[in-house]
Amino acid sequence: MAKLSRSEVRRKKHFRIRKKISGTADKPRLCVFKSNKYFYAQLINDENGVTLASASSIEKDHRGNANKQSATDVGKRIAERALEKGCKEVVFDRSGYIYHGNIKAFADSAREAGLEF
């Protein structure tokens, strides 16, 4: 049997996580994705299948690479946008990534900016 690649292992973890958590209008799901170049985050209401807010390091005024500094910036921006929408509590979906490095920096900056999860 062939060995799974790193991205396939992450995807399988993500499916296992998604079976257990979902976002609502009161407590949306904060989902992250990182590519080799950029870092993305979304607030999602899974009941209606709607994205409430999003932020990424690809945005014109905050262009940056997928490093800790850009993850920290994205965390601050998504927290600001969530608080504008009236969402103080979220469910954190790390998408199968290890809670380390960029993901941890993102989560810490979102918590400092006012989100609770």
Protein backbone atom coordinates (compact mmCIF):
# COMPACT_ATOMS: atom_id res chain seq x y z
CA MET A 1 0.00 0.00 0.00
CA ALA A 2 1.30 3.43 -0.91
CA LYS A 3 2.26 5.85 1.82
CA LEU A 4 0.04 8.93 2.12
CA SER A 5 1.54 12.31 1.36
CA ARG A 6 1.67 15.04 3.99
CA SER A 7 -1.26 16.92 2.41
CA GLU A 8 -3.38 13.76 2.25
CA VAL A 9 -2.72 13.05 5.94
CA ARG A 10 -3.72 16.65 6.78
CA ARG A 11 -6.89 16.33 4.71
CA LYS A 12 -7.89 13.11 6.52
CA LYS A 13 -7.34 14.85 9.88
CA HIS A 14 -9.46 17.76 8.67
CA PHE A 15 -12.36 15.44 7.79
CA ARG A 16 -12.17 13.83 11.24
CA ILE A 17 -12.22 17.26 12.89
CA ARG A 18 -15.13 18.47 10.74
CA LYS A 19 -17.28 15.51 11.82
CA LYS A 20 -17.17 16.86 15.36
CA ILE A 21 -17.37 20.65 14.98
CA SER A 22 -19.59 23.04 13.07
CA GLY A 23 -20.33 26.74 13.18
CA THR A 24 -23.63 28.44 13.97
CA ALA A 25 -24.81 32.02 13.62
CA ASP A 26 -23.99 32.69 17.29
CA LYS A 27 -20.70 30.80 17.31
CA PRO A 28 -19.22 30.55 13.78
CA ARG A 29 -16.36 28.27 12.77
CA LEU A 30 -12.99 29.99 12.33
CA CYS A 31 -11.32 27.99 9.58
CA VAL A 32 -7.69 28.49 8.52
CA PHE A 33 -5.79 27.44 5.42
CA LYS A 34 -2.16 27.99 4.63
CA SER A 35 -0.44 27.54 1.33
CA ASN A 36 3.26 27.88 0.64
CA LYS A 37 2.70 31.53 -0.25
CA TYR A 38 -0.27 32.88 1.71
CA PHE A 39 -2.37 32.45 4.86
CA TYR A 40 -6.20 32.52 4.82
CA ALA A 41 -8.93 32.59 7.48
CA GLN A 42 -12.74 32.50 7.27
CA LEU A 43 -15.66 32.76 9.67
CA ILE A 44 -18.28 30.27 8.50
CA ASN A 45 -21.89 29.65 9.52
CA ASP A 46 -22.32 25.95 8.65
CA GLU A 47 -26.08 25.94 9.27
CA ASN A 48 -26.67 28.24 6.29
CA GLY A 49 -23.42 27.54 4.44
CA VAL A 50 -22.43 31.20 4.52
CA THR A 51 -19.05 32.86 4.97
CA LEU A 52 -19.51 35.72 7.42
CA ALA A 53 -16.04 37.27 7.15
CA SER A 54 -12.65 36.47 5.71
CA ALA A 55 -9.08 37.71 5.85
CA SER A 56 -5.88 36.66 4.13
CA SER A 57 -2.30 37.66 3.60
CA ILE A 58 -3.02 38.15 -0.10
CA GLU A 59 -5.10 41.30 0.50
CA LYS A 60 -3.80 44.35 -1.30
CA ASP A 61 -3.08 46.56 1.70
CA HIS A 62 -1.49 43.76 3.77
CA ARG A 63 0.47 41.76 1.25
CA GLY A 64 2.82 39.25 2.86
CA ASN A 65 4.12 35.72 2.76
CA ALA A 66 2.93 32.73 4.76
CA ASN A 67 5.11 33.42 7.79
CA LYS A 68 4.39 34.09 11.46
CA GLN A 69 4.12 37.85 10.98
CA SER A 70 1.50 37.55 8.23
CA ALA A 71 -0.40 34.92 10.26
CA THR A 72 -0.43 37.34 13.20
CA ASP A 73 -1.73 40.15 10.97
CA VAL A 74 -4.46 37.91 9.53
CA GLY A 75 -5.48 36.90 13.06
CA LYS A 76 -5.89 40.54 14.09
CA ARG A 77 -7.86 41.41 10.95
CA ILE A 78 -10.25 38.45 11.19
CA ALA A 79 -10.88 39.26 14.87
CA GLU A 80 -11.70 42.89 14.00
CA ARG A 81 -14.09 41.79 11.24
CA ALA A 82 -15.72 39.23 13.52
CA LEU A 83 -16.30 41.79 16.25
CA GLU A 84 -17.84 44.15 13.66
CA LYS A 85 -20.31 41.37 12.78
CA GLY A 86 -21.07 40.82 16.47
CA CYS A 87 -19.31 37.45 16.78
CA LYS A 88 -17.24 37.33 19.97
CA GLU A 89 -17.08 33.53 20.38
CA VAL A 90 -15.92 31.18 17.63
CA VAL A 91 -15.10 27.50 17.17
CA PHE A 92 -11.49 27.13 16.00
CA ASP A 93 -10.95 24.78 13.05
CA ARG A 94 -7.24 24.31 12.48
CA SER A 95 -7.96 22.25 9.33
CA GLY A 96 -5.72 19.34 10.31
CA TYR A 97 -2.62 21.48 10.79
CA ILE A 98 -0.50 21.00 13.89
CA TYR A 99 -1.15 23.68 16.52
CA HIS A 100 2.36 25.07 16.19
CA GLY A 101 4.16 27.90 14.41
CA ASN A 102 1.91 29.93 12.10
CA ILE A 103 -1.32 28.38 13.37
CA LYS A 104 -0.41 29.13 16.99
CA ALA A 105 0.66 32.70 16.12
CA PHE A 106 -2.64 33.22 14.29
CA ALA A 107 -4.72 31.87 17.19
CA ASP A 108 -2.84 33.90 19.80
CA SER A 109 -3.25 37.15 17.85
CA ALA A 110 -6.97 36.49 17.30
CA ARG A 111 -7.40 35.91 21.05
CA GLU A 112 -5.50 39.10 21.88
CA ALA A 113 -7.72 41.06 19.48
CA GLY A 114 -10.85 39.93 21.34
CA LEU A 115 -12.06 36.56 20.02
CA GLU A 116 -12.85 33.76 22.45
CA PHE A 117 -12.32 30.10 21.55
